């Protein structure tokens, strides 16, 4: 109670601007501000100097690499066109010519890119090893396709047959419609399309029936052995000469092939142009049949040979 009374007895002091508490202010030294600014300027100058050094070091390399790649692109395009014109002038298939010209172009560009990387210090040996490994993996994965591609290139280079030829290849016969890099297309006489992989075409026996300008139409016939051979020969020769689509040279031919039991095998042939083969073949067959009928010469009579066990005889009819 005494303390409370003493506090109440103290007079209140009015608050004036002079007696009011003043805010505390922080004063930064001028030397510290100067040091901070100088450090920032030094860092900017250091970065600028580093950029200038990088530009002086790599600028000419970048410019040289860009110029080199642009020149390689121009040279590759020029060589590609030159190769294409040369192959077309050499009468190489257009598909193969374009394929080889593109290979030349991209090979030059790939070499230029690798050389450009070497300008910047990239180890091109390791880069080439990576490309080789990737190429090996792709080659193993695409072994069948690449074999077809290689066979297609060989077919287009060596030209064992051309579009429009009639061929017998890989067990299939037909007229060649198209030779692609991976497959060969044939059209059969009954208008069926057969697509054969080029690896099977190039790896099998190829019979090109349209390679030569002339062809022999041949008819085989079996005559009964009881007829005179010279009469039969003369009749067959006359039937061959009656064919209108034949050529005068070589002359028609008649040959005795072999004696076949009770019959005699003959072959009759006439030569004709490649485009007239079908007509000449039909005309020759008709002429041979008509001549044999007119001369009364017949074919071999079919006979049946009956073998019985020893001691067994057929019973006589009652």
C-alpha atoms as a PDB file:
ATOM      1  CA  UNK A   1       0.000   0.000   0.000  1.00  0.00           C
ATOM      2  CA  UNK A   2       2.865   2.407   0.728  1.00  0.00           C
ATOM      3  CA  UNK A   3       4.467   1.652  -2.659  1.00  0.00           C
ATOM      4  CA  UNK A   4       1.207   2.203  -4.475  1.00  0.00           C
ATOM      5  CA  UNK A   5       0.768   5.526  -2.715  1.00  0.00           C
ATOM      6  CA  UNK A   6       4.231   6.668  -3.679  1.00  0.00           C
ATOM      7  CA  UNK A   7       3.561   5.846  -7.347  1.00  0.00           C
ATOM      8  CA  UNK A   8       0.366   7.805  -7.304  1.00  0.00           C
ATOM      9  CA  UNK A   9       2.098  10.742  -5.679  1.00  0.00           C
ATOM     10  CA  UNK A  10       4.660  11.134  -8.605  1.00  0.00           C
ATOM     11  CA  UNK A  11       3.657  13.892 -11.076  1.00  0.00           C
ATOM     12  CA  UNK A  12       3.073  12.920 -14.709  1.00  0.00           C
ATOM     13  CA  UNK A  13       5.652  14.303 -17.146  1.00  0.00           C
ATOM     14  CA  UNK A  14       4.113  15.445 -20.512  1.00  0.00           C
ATOM     15  CA  UNK A  15       5.549  13.904 -23.659  1.00  0.00           C
ATOM     16  CA  UNK A  16       7.027  16.531 -26.025  1.00  0.00           C
ATOM     17  CA  UNK A  17       8.960  16.223 -29.296  1.00  0.00           C
ATOM     18  CA  UNK A  18      12.111  16.915 -27.414  1.00  0.00           C
ATOM     19  CA  UNK A  19      11.416  14.232 -24.814  1.00  0.00           C
ATOM     20  CA  UNK A  20       9.987  11.611 -27.267  1.00  0.00           C
ATOM     21  CA  UNK A  21      12.294   8.674 -27.986  1.00  0.00           C
ATOM     22  CA  UNK A  22      14.106   9.038 -31.303  1.00  0.00           C
ATOM     23  CA  UNK A  23      14.312   6.056 -33.809  1.00  0.00           C
ATOM     24  CA  UNK A  24      17.649   4.435 -34.103  1.00  0.00           C
ATOM     25  CA  UNK A  25      19.230   4.818 -37.609  1.00  0.00           C
ATOM     26  CA  UNK A  26      21.916   2.515 -39.209  1.00  0.00           C
ATOM     27  CA  UNK A  27      24.711   4.410 -40.819  1.00  0.00           C
ATOM     28  CA  UNK A  28      26.556   2.477 -43.611  1.00  0.00           C
ATOM     29  CA  UNK A  29      30.125   3.489 -44.124  1.00  0.00           C
ATOM     30  CA  UNK A  30      30.941   4.940 -47.541  1.00  0.00           C
ATOM     31  CA  UNK A  31      34.014   2.717 -47.929  1.00  0.00           C
ATOM     32  CA  UNK A  32      31.864  -0.460 -47.696  1.00  0.00           C
ATOM     33  CA  UNK A  33      29.562   0.692 -50.540  1.00  0.00           C
ATOM     34  CA  UNK A  34      32.564   1.461 -52.722  1.00  0.00           C
ATOM     35  CA  UNK A  35      34.038  -2.009 -52.143  1.00  0.00           C
ATOM     36  CA  UNK A  36      30.750  -3.775 -53.070  1.00  0.00           C
ATOM     37  CA  UNK A  37      30.404  -1.836 -56.329  1.00  0.00           C
ATOM     38  CA  UNK A  38      33.988  -2.526 -57.310  1.00  0.00           C
ATOM     39  CA  UNK A  39      33.451  -6.273 -56.699  1.00  0.00           C
ATOM     40  CA  UNK A  40      30.356  -6.338 -58.939  1.00  0.00           C
ATOM     41  CA  UNK A  41      32.187  -4.475 -61.683  1.00  0.00           C
ATOM     42  CA  UNK A  42      35.112  -6.893 -61.400  1.00  0.00           C
ATOM     43  CA  UNK A  43      32.805  -9.912 -61.703  1.00  0.00           C
ATOM     44  CA  UNK A  44      31.107  -8.475 -64.794  1.00  0.00           C
ATOM     45  CA  UNK A  45      34.462  -7.734 -66.384  1.00  0.00           C
ATOM     46  CA  UNK A  46      35.678 -11.244 -65.549  1.00  0.00           C
ATOM     47  CA  UNK A  47      32.609 -12.818 -67.163  1.00  0.00           C
ATOM     48  CA  UNK A  48      32.961 -10.597 -70.193  1.00  0.00           C
ATOM     49  CA  UNK A  49      36.615 -11.510 -70.493  1.00  0.00           C
ATOM     50  CA  UNK A  50      35.707 -15.212 -70.227  1.00  0.00           C
ATOM     51  CA  UNK A  51      33.106 -14.845 -72.957  1.00  0.00           C
ATOM     52  CA  UNK A  52      35.581 -13.007 -75.157  1.00  0.00           C
ATOM     53  CA  UNK A  53      38.126 -15.763 -74.574  1.00  0.00           C
ATOM     54  CA  UNK A  54      35.552 -18.443 -75.482  1.00  0.00           C
ATOM     55  CA  UNK A  55      34.580 -16.521 -78.594  1.00  0.00           C
ATOM     56  CA  UNK A  56      38.214 -16.154 -79.624  1.00  0.00           C
ATOM     57  CA  UNK A  57      38.863 -19.849 -78.961  1.00  0.00           C
ATOM     58  CA  UNK A  58      35.743 -21.500 -80.410  1.00  0.00           C
ATOM     59  CA  UNK A  59      34.415 -18.800 -82.722  1.00  0.00           C
ATOM     60  CA  UNK A  60      36.741 -19.600 -85.621  1.00  0.00           C
ATOM     61  CA  UNK A  61      36.122 -23.325 -85.055  1.00  0.00           C
ATOM     62  CA  UNK A  62      32.344 -22.914 -85.161  1.00  0.00           C
ATOM     63  CA  UNK A  63      32.545 -20.729 -88.235  1.00  0.00           C
ATOM     64  CA  UNK A  64      34.948 -23.132 -89.939  1.00  0.00           C
ATOM     65  CA  UNK A  65      32.785 -26.159 -89.084  1.00  0.00           C
ATOM     66  CA  UNK A  66      29.650 -24.446 -90.438  1.00  0.00           C
ATOM     67  CA  UNK A  67      31.416 -23.465 -93.654  1.00  0.00           C
ATOM     68  CA  UNK A  68      32.837 -26.986 -93.987  1.00  0.00           C
ATOM     69  CA  UNK A  69      29.416 -28.638 -93.531  1.00  0.00           C
ATOM     70  CA  UNK A  70      27.754 -26.217 -95.986  1.00  0.00           C
ATOM     71  CA  UNK A  71      30.457 -26.912 -98.567  1.00  0.00           C
ATOM     72  CA  UNK A  72      30.094 -30.657 -97.962  1.00  0.00           C
ATOM     73  CA  UNK A  73      26.337 -30.355 -98.498  1.00  0.00           C
ATOM     74  CA  UNK A  74      26.876 -28.522-101.802  1.00  0.00           C
ATOM     75  CA  UNK A  75      29.558 -30.964-102.969  1.00  0.00           C
ATOM     76  CA  UNK A  76      27.441 -33.980-101.991  1.00  0.00           C
ATOM     77  CA  UNK A  77      24.466 -32.663-103.979  1.00  0.00           C
ATOM     78  CA  UNK A  78      26.688 -32.014-106.989  1.00  0.00           C
ATOM     79  CA  UNK A  79      28.319 -35.452-106.847  1.00  0.00           C
ATOM     80  CA  UNK A  80      24.919 -37.099-106.345  1.00  0.00           C
ATOM     81  CA  UNK A  81      23.590 -35.499-109.534  1.00  0.00           C
ATOM     82  CA  UNK A  82      26.792 -36.390-111.366  1.00  0.00           C
ATOM     83  CA  UNK A  83      26.563 -40.056-110.323  1.00  0.00           C
ATOM     84  CA  UNK A  84      22.879 -40.179-111.265  1.00  0.00           C
ATOM     85  CA  UNK A  85      23.537 -38.760-114.737  1.00  0.00           C
ATOM     86  CA  UNK A  86      26.446 -41.140-115.279  1.00  0.00           C
ATOM     87  CA  UNK A  87      24.447 -44.207-114.270  1.00  0.00           C
ATOM     88  CA  UNK A  88      21.479 -43.187-116.402  1.00  0.00           C
ATOM     89  CA  UNK A  89      23.820 -42.607-119.344  1.00  0.00           C
ATOM     90  CA  UNK A  90      25.245 -46.089-118.740  1.00  0.00           C
ATOM     91  CA  UNK A  91      21.660 -47.444-118.988  1.00  0.00           C
ATOM     92  CA  UNK A  92      21.548 -48.576-115.365  1.00  0.00           C
ATOM     93  CA  UNK A  93      18.067 -49.034-113.924  1.00  0.00           C
ATOM     94  CA  UNK A  94      16.624 -45.738-112.660  1.00  0.00           C
ATOM     95  CA  UNK A  95      15.756 -47.213-109.250  1.00  0.00           C
ATOM     96  CA  UNK A  96      19.307 -48.437-108.702  1.00  0.00           C
ATOM     97  CA  UNK A  97      20.786 -45.194-110.060  1.00  0.00           C
ATOM     98  CA  UNK A  98      18.820 -43.058-107.588  1.00  0.00           C
ATOM     99  CA  UNK A  99      19.660 -45.431-104.751  1.00  0.00           C
ATOM    100  CA  UNK A 100      23.414 -45.282-105.431  1.00  0.00           C
ATOM    101  CA  UNK A 101      23.382 -41.509-105.895  1.00  0.00           C
ATOM    102  CA  UNK A 102      21.645 -41.057-102.528  1.00  0.00           C
ATOM    103  CA  UNK A 103      24.203 -43.339-100.872  1.00  0.00           C
ATOM    104  CA  UNK A 104      27.024 -41.157-102.241  1.00  0.00           C
ATOM    105  CA  UNK A 105      25.343 -37.995-100.990  1.00  0.00           C
ATOM    106  CA  UNK A 106      24.663 -39.155 -97.440  1.00  0.00           C
ATOM    107  CA  UNK A 107      28.081 -40.795 -97.139  1.00  0.00           C
ATOM    108  CA  UNK A 108      29.762 -37.458 -97.890  1.00  0.00           C
ATOM    109  CA  UNK A 109      27.506 -35.636 -95.407  1.00  0.00           C
ATOM    110  CA  UNK A 110      28.237 -38.229 -92.689  1.00  0.00           C
ATOM    111  CA  UNK A 111      31.996 -37.863 -93.214  1.00  0.00           C
ATOM    112  CA  UNK A 112      31.647 -34.065 -93.060  1.00  0.00           C
ATOM    113  CA  UNK A 113      29.710 -34.220 -89.774  1.00  0.00           C
ATOM    114  CA  UNK A 114      32.302 -36.512 -88.201  1.00  0.00           C
ATOM    115  CA  UNK A 115      35.088 -34.219 -89.397  1.00  0.00           C
ATOM    116  CA  UNK A 116      33.205 -31.220 -87.979  1.00  0.00           C
ATOM    117  CA  UNK A 117      33.027 -32.908 -84.596  1.00  0.00           C
ATOM    118  CA  UNK A 118      36.759 -33.491 -84.779  1.00  0.00           C
ATOM    119  CA  UNK A 119      37.279 -29.730 -85.110  1.00  0.00           C
ATOM    120  CA  UNK A 120      35.801 -29.261 -81.615  1.00  0.00           C
ATOM    121  CA  UNK A 121      38.043 -31.900 -80.110  1.00  0.00           C
ATOM    122  CA  UNK A 122      35.514 -34.744 -80.089  1.00  0.00           C
ATOM    123  CA  UNK A 123      37.203 -38.147 -80.313  1.00  0.00           C
ATOM    124  CA  UNK A 124      35.989 -39.327 -83.705  1.00  0.00           C
ATOM    125  CA  UNK A 125      37.509 -42.766 -83.191  1.00  0.00           C
ATOM    126  CA  UNK A 126      35.086 -43.580 -80.397  1.00  0.00           C
ATOM    127  CA  UNK A 127      32.268 -41.995 -82.392  1.00  0.00           C
ATOM    128  CA  UNK A 128      33.091 -44.209 -85.375  1.00  0.00           C
ATOM    129  CA  UNK A 129      33.189 -47.243 -83.076  1.00  0.00           C
ATOM    130  CA  UNK A 130      29.697 -46.413 -81.799  1.00  0.00           C
ATOM    131  CA  UNK A 131      28.424 -46.039 -85.373  1.00  0.00           C
ATOM    132  CA  UNK A 132      30.039 -49.342 -86.328  1.00  0.00           C
ATOM    133  CA  UNK A 133      28.483 -51.139 -83.370  1.00  0.00           C
ATOM    134  CA  UNK A 134      25.074 -49.675 -84.159  1.00  0.00           C
ATOM    135  CA  UNK A 135      25.470 -50.648 -87.809  1.00  0.00           C
ATOM    136  CA  UNK A 136      26.390 -54.202 -86.834  1.00  0.00           C
ATOM    137  CA  UNK A 137      23.347 -54.497 -84.570  1.00  0.00           C
ATOM    138  CA  UNK A 138      21.058 -53.105 -87.259  1.00  0.00           C
ATOM    139  CA  UNK A 139      22.608 -55.419 -89.847  1.00  0.00           C
ATOM    140  CA  UNK A 140      22.024 -58.490 -87.691  1.00  0.00           C
ATOM    141  CA  UNK A 141      18.434 -57.425 -87.015  1.00  0.00           C
ATOM    142  CA  UNK A 142      17.776 -56.795 -90.706  1.00  0.00           C
ATOM    143  CA  UNK A 143      19.761 -59.705 -92.095  1.00  0.00           C
ATOM    144  CA  UNK A 144      16.939 -60.991 -94.309  1.00  0.00           C
ATOM    145  CA  UNK A 145      16.018 -57.554 -95.626  1.00  0.00           C
ATOM    146  CA  UNK A 146      19.645 -56.664 -96.324  1.00  0.00           C
ATOM    147  CA  UNK A 147      20.160 -59.939 -98.211  1.00  0.00           C
ATOM    148  CA  UNK A 148      17.132 -59.086-100.351  1.00  0.00           C
ATOM    149  CA  UNK A 149      18.544 -55.583-100.873  1.00  0.00           C
ATOM    150  CA  UNK A 150      21.956 -56.923-101.894  1.00  0.00           C
ATOM    151  CA  UNK A 151      20.336 -59.422-104.261  1.00  0.00           C
ATOM    152  CA  UNK A 152      18.180 -56.644-105.745  1.00  0.00           C
ATOM    153  CA  UNK A 153      21.264 -54.526-106.397  1.00  0.00           C
ATOM    154  CA  UNK A 154      22.980 -57.493-108.087  1.00  0.00           C
ATOM    155  CA  UNK A 155      19.910 -58.149-110.246  1.00  0.00           C
ATOM    156  CA  UNK A 156      19.775 -54.519-111.337  1.00  0.00           C
ATOM    157  CA  UNK A 157      23.513 -54.477-112.050  1.00  0.00           C
ATOM    158  CA  UNK A 158      23.923 -57.773-113.952  1.00  0.00           C
ATOM    159  CA  UNK A 159      20.450 -57.726-115.554  1.00  0.00           C
ATOM    160  CA  UNK A 160      19.775 -61.474-116.034  1.00  0.00           C
ATOM    161  CA  UNK A 161      16.272 -60.403-117.094  1.00  0.00           C
ATOM    162  CA  UNK A 162      14.400 -57.173-117.693  1.00  0.00           C
ATOM    163  CA  UNK A 163      10.871 -55.900-117.261  1.00  0.00           C
ATOM    164  CA  UNK A 164       8.657 -57.601-119.857  1.00  0.00           C
ATOM    165  CA  UNK A 165      10.690 -60.833-120.069  1.00  0.00           C
ATOM    166  CA  UNK A 166       9.038 -64.198-119.501  1.00  0.00           C
ATOM    167  CA  UNK A 167      11.057 -66.079-116.898  1.00  0.00           C
ATOM    168  CA  UNK A 168      10.970 -69.222-114.822  1.00  0.00           C
ATOM    169  CA  UNK A 169      12.594 -68.495-111.460  1.00  0.00           C
ATOM    170  CA  UNK A 170      12.304 -69.860-107.913  1.00  0.00           C
ATOM    171  CA  UNK A 171       9.756 -72.397-109.151  1.00  0.00           C
ATOM    172  CA  UNK A 172       7.470 -69.691-110.572  1.00  0.00           C
ATOM    173  CA  UNK A 173       6.818 -68.722-114.194  1.00  0.00           C
ATOM    174  CA  UNK A 174       5.492 -65.429-115.472  1.00  0.00           C
ATOM    175  CA  UNK A 175       6.146 -62.122-117.132  1.00  0.00           C
ATOM    176  CA  UNK A 176       8.340 -59.694-115.195  1.00  0.00           C
ATOM    177  CA  UNK A 177       6.299 -56.646-114.215  1.00  0.00           C
ATOM    178  CA  UNK A 178       8.726 -54.863-111.878  1.00  0.00           C
ATOM    179  CA  UNK A 179      12.150 -55.326-110.303  1.00  0.00           C
ATOM    180  CA  UNK A 180      12.402 -53.578-106.943  1.00  0.00           C
ATOM    181  CA  UNK A 181      15.279 -53.426-104.487  1.00  0.00           C
ATOM    182  CA  UNK A 182      13.700 -56.022-102.196  1.00  0.00           C
ATOM    183  CA  UNK A 183      11.420 -58.129-104.432  1.00  0.00           C
ATOM    184  CA  UNK A 184      10.564 -59.058-108.030  1.00  0.00           C
ATOM    185  CA  UNK A 185       6.984 -59.034-109.324  1.00  0.00           C
ATOM    186  CA  UNK A 186       5.748 -61.591-111.880  1.00  0.00           C
ATOM    187  CA  UNK A 187       2.421 -61.769-113.728  1.00  0.00           C
ATOM    188  CA  UNK A 188       1.254 -65.278-114.670  1.00  0.00           C
ATOM    189  CA  UNK A 189      -0.630 -66.104-117.909  1.00  0.00           C
ATOM    190  CA  UNK A 190      -3.857 -66.346-115.886  1.00  0.00           C
ATOM    191  CA  UNK A 191      -3.263 -62.806-114.549  1.00  0.00           C
ATOM    192  CA  UNK A 192      -1.966 -63.625-111.064  1.00  0.00           C
ATOM    193  CA  UNK A 193       0.647 -61.435-109.373  1.00  0.00           C
ATOM    194  CA  UNK A 194       3.567 -63.291-107.761  1.00  0.00           C
ATOM    195  CA  UNK A 195       6.007 -61.398-105.516  1.00  0.00           C
ATOM    196  CA  UNK A 196       9.329 -63.191-104.927  1.00  0.00           C
ATOM    197  CA  UNK A 197      12.063 -61.970-102.506  1.00  0.00           C
ATOM    198  CA  UNK A 198      15.176 -61.032-104.444  1.00  0.00           C
ATOM    199  CA  UNK A 199      17.382 -63.323-102.354  1.00  0.00           C
ATOM    200  CA  UNK A 200      15.428 -66.321-103.668  1.00  0.00           C
ATOM    201  CA  UNK A 201      15.510 -64.983-107.214  1.00  0.00           C
ATOM    202  CA  UNK A 202      19.258 -64.352-107.308  1.00  0.00           C
ATOM    203  CA  UNK A 203      20.066 -67.580-105.446  1.00  0.00           C
ATOM    204  CA  UNK A 204      18.125 -69.896-107.774  1.00  0.00           C
ATOM    205  CA  UNK A 205      18.346 -70.992-111.414  1.00  0.00           C
ATOM    206  CA  UNK A 206      16.922 -68.296-113.698  1.00  0.00           C
ATOM    207  CA  UNK A 207      15.360 -69.353-117.008  1.00  0.00           C
ATOM    208  CA  UNK A 208      14.843 -66.337-119.250  1.00  0.00           C
ATOM    209  CA  UNK A 209      12.535 -67.438-122.044  1.00  0.00           C
ATOM    210  CA  UNK A 210      12.510 -64.016-123.724  1.00  0.00           C
ATOM    211  CA  UNK A 211      16.251 -63.382-123.917  1.00  0.00           C
ATOM    212  CA  UNK A 212      16.642 -64.234-127.625  1.00  0.00           C
ATOM    213  CA  UNK A 213      14.690 -62.825-130.548  1.00  0.00           C
ATOM    214  CA  UNK A 214      13.779 -66.265-131.908  1.00  0.00           C
ATOM    215  CA  UNK A 215      12.520 -69.425-130.278  1.00  0.00           C
ATOM    216  CA  UNK A 216      11.728 -73.007-131.262  1.00  0.00           C
ATOM    217  CA  UNK A 217       8.174 -74.332-130.962  1.00  0.00           C
ATOM    218  CA  UNK A 218       8.373 -78.068-130.212  1.00  0.00           C
ATOM    219  CA  UNK A 219       5.715 -80.807-130.279  1.00  0.00           C
ATOM    220  CA  UNK A 220       6.432 -84.332-129.009  1.00  0.00           C
ATOM    221  CA  UNK A 221       4.419 -87.224-130.423  1.00  0.00           C
ATOM    222  CA  UNK A 222       4.475 -91.008-130.015  1.00  0.00           C
ATOM    223  CA  UNK A 223       3.684 -93.131-133.095  1.00  0.00           C
ATOM    224  CA  UNK A 224       2.850 -96.836-133.242  1.00  0.00           C
ATOM    225  CA  UNK A 225       5.973 -98.829-134.083  1.00  0.00           C
ATOM    226  CA  UNK A 226       4.259-100.727-136.900  1.00  0.00           C
ATOM    227  CA  UNK A 227       4.390 -97.730-139.249  1.00  0.00           C
ATOM    228  CA  UNK A 228       7.309 -97.111-141.556  1.00  0.00           C
ATOM    229  CA  UNK A 229       9.798 -94.693-140.059  1.00  0.00           C
ATOM    230  CA  UNK A 230      10.568 -92.796-143.293  1.00  0.00           C
ATOM    231  CA  UNK A 231       6.884 -92.342-144.098  1.00  0.00           C
ATOM    232  CA  UNK A 232       6.289 -91.080-140.599  1.00  0.00           C
ATOM    233  CA  UNK A 233       9.255 -88.704-140.842  1.00  0.00           C
ATOM    234  CA  UNK A 234       8.071 -87.281-144.159  1.00  0.00           C
ATOM    235  CA  UNK A 235       4.541 -86.785-142.813  1.00  0.00           C
ATOM    236  CA  UNK A 236       5.766 -84.959-139.723  1.00  0.00           C
ATOM    237  CA  UNK A 237       8.135 -82.778-141.769  1.00  0.00           C
ATOM    238  CA  UNK A 238       5.310 -81.796-144.122  1.00  0.00           C
ATOM    239  CA  UNK A 239       3.167 -80.852-141.130  1.00  0.00           C
ATOM    240  CA  UNK A 240       5.936 -78.616-139.786  1.00  0.00           C
ATOM    241  CA  UNK A 241       6.396 -76.859-143.127  1.00  0.00           C
ATOM    242  CA  UNK A 242       2.674 -76.101-143.201  1.00  0.00           C
ATOM    243  CA  UNK A 243       2.948 -73.750-140.203  1.00  0.00           C
ATOM    244  CA  UNK A 244       2.591 -70.185-141.491  1.00  0.00           C
ATOM    245  CA  UNK A 245       4.166 -68.341-138.530  1.00  0.00           C
ATOM    246  CA  UNK A 246       7.483 -70.155-138.766  1.00  0.00           C
ATOM    247  CA  UNK A 247      10.821 -68.782-139.962  1.00  0.00           C
ATOM    248  CA  UNK A 248      12.550 -70.146-143.077  1.00  0.00           C
ATOM    249  CA  UNK A 249      15.840 -70.327-141.237  1.00  0.00           C
ATOM    250  CA  UNK A 250      16.519 -72.359-139.259  1.00  0.00           C
ATOM    251  CA  UNK A 251      14.580 -74.978-141.189  1.00  0.00           C
ATOM    252  CA  UNK A 252      11.901 -77.154-139.518  1.00  0.00           C
ATOM    253  CA  UNK A 253      13.239 -80.283-137.868  1.00  0.00           C
ATOM    254  CA  UNK A 254      11.950 -83.795-137.183  1.00  0.00           C
ATOM    255  CA  UNK A 255      13.873 -86.082-134.873  1.00  0.00           C
ATOM    256  CA  UNK A 256      13.462 -89.667-133.711  1.00  0.00           C
ATOM    257  CA  UNK A 257      13.989 -89.533-129.974  1.00  0.00           C
ATOM    258  CA  UNK A 258      13.760 -93.148-128.850  1.00  0.00           C
ATOM    259  CA  UNK A 259      11.942 -96.436-129.226  1.00  0.00           C
ATOM    260  CA  UNK A 260       9.411 -96.659-126.455  1.00  0.00           C
ATOM    261  CA  UNK A 261       8.224-100.260-126.214  1.00  0.00           C
ATOM    262  CA  UNK A 262       5.714-100.738-129.042  1.00  0.00           C
ATOM    263  CA  UNK A 263       5.924 -97.090-130.028  1.00  0.00           C
ATOM    264  CA  UNK A 264       8.362 -94.548-131.417  1.00  0.00           C
ATOM    265  CA  UNK A 265       8.854 -91.093-129.863  1.00  0.00           C
ATOM    266  CA  UNK A 266       9.268 -88.200-132.321  1.00  0.00           C
ATOM    267  CA  UNK A 267       9.914 -84.506-131.854  1.00  0.00           C
ATOM    268  CA  UNK A 268       8.811 -81.849-134.371  1.00  0.00           C
ATOM    269  CA  UNK A 269      10.115 -78.281-134.186  1.00  0.00           C
ATOM    270  CA  UNK A 270       9.822 -75.012-136.059  1.00  0.00           C
ATOM    271  CA  UNK A 271      11.540 -71.677-135.398  1.00  0.00           C
ATOM    272  CA  UNK A 272       9.568 -68.490-134.983  1.00  0.00           C
ATOM    273  CA  UNK A 273       9.880 -64.969-133.625  1.00  0.00           C
ATOM    274  CA  UNK A 274       9.638 -64.534-129.884  1.00  0.00           C
ATOM    275  CA  UNK A 275       6.324 -62.713-130.120  1.00  0.00           C
ATOM    276  CA  UNK A 276       4.793 -65.451-132.342  1.00  0.00           C
ATOM    277  CA  UNK A 277       5.736 -68.374-130.089  1.00  0.00           C
ATOM    278  CA  UNK A 278       2.271 -69.056-128.683  1.00  0.00           C
ATOM    279  CA  UNK A 279       0.605 -68.941-132.073  1.00  0.00           C
ATOM    280  CA  UNK A 280       3.284 -71.085-133.713  1.00  0.00           C
ATOM    281  CA  UNK A 281       3.093 -73.669-130.920  1.00  0.00           C
ATOM    282  CA  UNK A 282      -0.661 -74.073-131.348  1.00  0.00           C
ATOM    283  CA  UNK A 283      -0.445 -74.122-135.148  1.00  0.00           C
ATOM    284  CA  UNK A 284       2.272 -76.787-135.096  1.00  0.00           C
ATOM    285  CA  UNK A 285       0.276 -79.085-132.796  1.00  0.00           C
ATOM    286  CA  UNK A 286      -2.821 -78.791-134.989  1.00  0.00           C
ATOM    287  CA  UNK A 287      -0.831 -79.347-138.180  1.00  0.00           C
ATOM    288  CA  UNK A 288       0.845 -82.497-136.794  1.00  0.00           C
ATOM    289  CA  UNK A 289      -2.491 -83.962-135.713  1.00  0.00           C
ATOM    290  CA  UNK A 290      -4.145 -83.216-139.053  1.00  0.00           C
ATOM    291  CA  UNK A 291      -1.220 -84.667-141.060  1.00  0.00           C
ATOM    292  CA  UNK A 292      -1.123 -87.904-139.061  1.00  0.00           C
ATOM    293  CA  UNK A 293      -4.864 -88.357-139.383  1.00  0.00           C
ATOM    294  CA  UNK A 294      -4.731 -87.750-143.135  1.00  0.00           C
ATOM    295  CA  UNK A 295      -1.928 -90.328-143.538  1.00  0.00           C
ATOM    296  CA  UNK A 296      -3.687 -92.891-141.362  1.00  0.00           C
ATOM    297  CA  UNK A 297      -0.840 -92.947-138.856  1.00  0.00           C
ATOM    298  CA  UNK A 298      -1.953 -93.486-135.303  1.00  0.00           C
ATOM    299  CA  UNK A 299      -0.301 -93.271-131.972  1.00  0.00           C
ATOM    300  CA  UNK A 300       0.869 -96.179-129.889  1.00  0.00           C
ATOM    301  CA  UNK A 301      -1.936 -98.442-128.710  1.00  0.00           C
ATOM    302  CA  UNK A 302      -2.048 -98.544-124.933  1.00  0.00           C
ATOM    303  CA  UNK A 303      -1.216-102.006-123.622  1.00  0.00           C
ATOM    304  CA  UNK A 304      -1.577-103.570-120.214  1.00  0.00           C
ATOM    305  CA  UNK A 305       1.051-105.977-118.986  1.00  0.00           C
ATOM    306  CA  UNK A 306      -0.385-108.595-116.638  1.00  0.00           C
ATOM    307  CA  UNK A 307       2.076-110.460-114.427  1.00  0.00           C
ATOM    308  CA  UNK A 308       0.932-113.718-112.832  1.00  0.00           C
ATOM    309  CA  UNK A 309       2.728-115.844-110.245  1.00  0.00           C
ATOM    310  CA  UNK A 310       4.574-118.860-111.601  1.00  0.00           C
ATOM    311  CA  UNK A 311       2.313-121.898-112.146  1.00  0.00           C
ATOM    312  CA  UNK A 312      -0.880-119.904-112.169  1.00  0.00           C
ATOM    313  CA  UNK A 313      -2.640-119.831-115.546  1.00  0.00           C
ATOM    314  CA  UNK A 314      -5.910-118.159-116.374  1.00  0.00           C
ATOM    315  CA  UNK A 315      -8.793-120.599-116.763  1.00  0.00           C
ATOM    316  CA  UNK A 316     -10.240-121.038-120.242  1.00  0.00           C
ATOM    317  CA  UNK A 317     -13.778-119.718-120.639  1.00  0.00           C
ATOM    318  CA  UNK A 318     -16.408-122.404-121.042  1.00  0.00           C
END
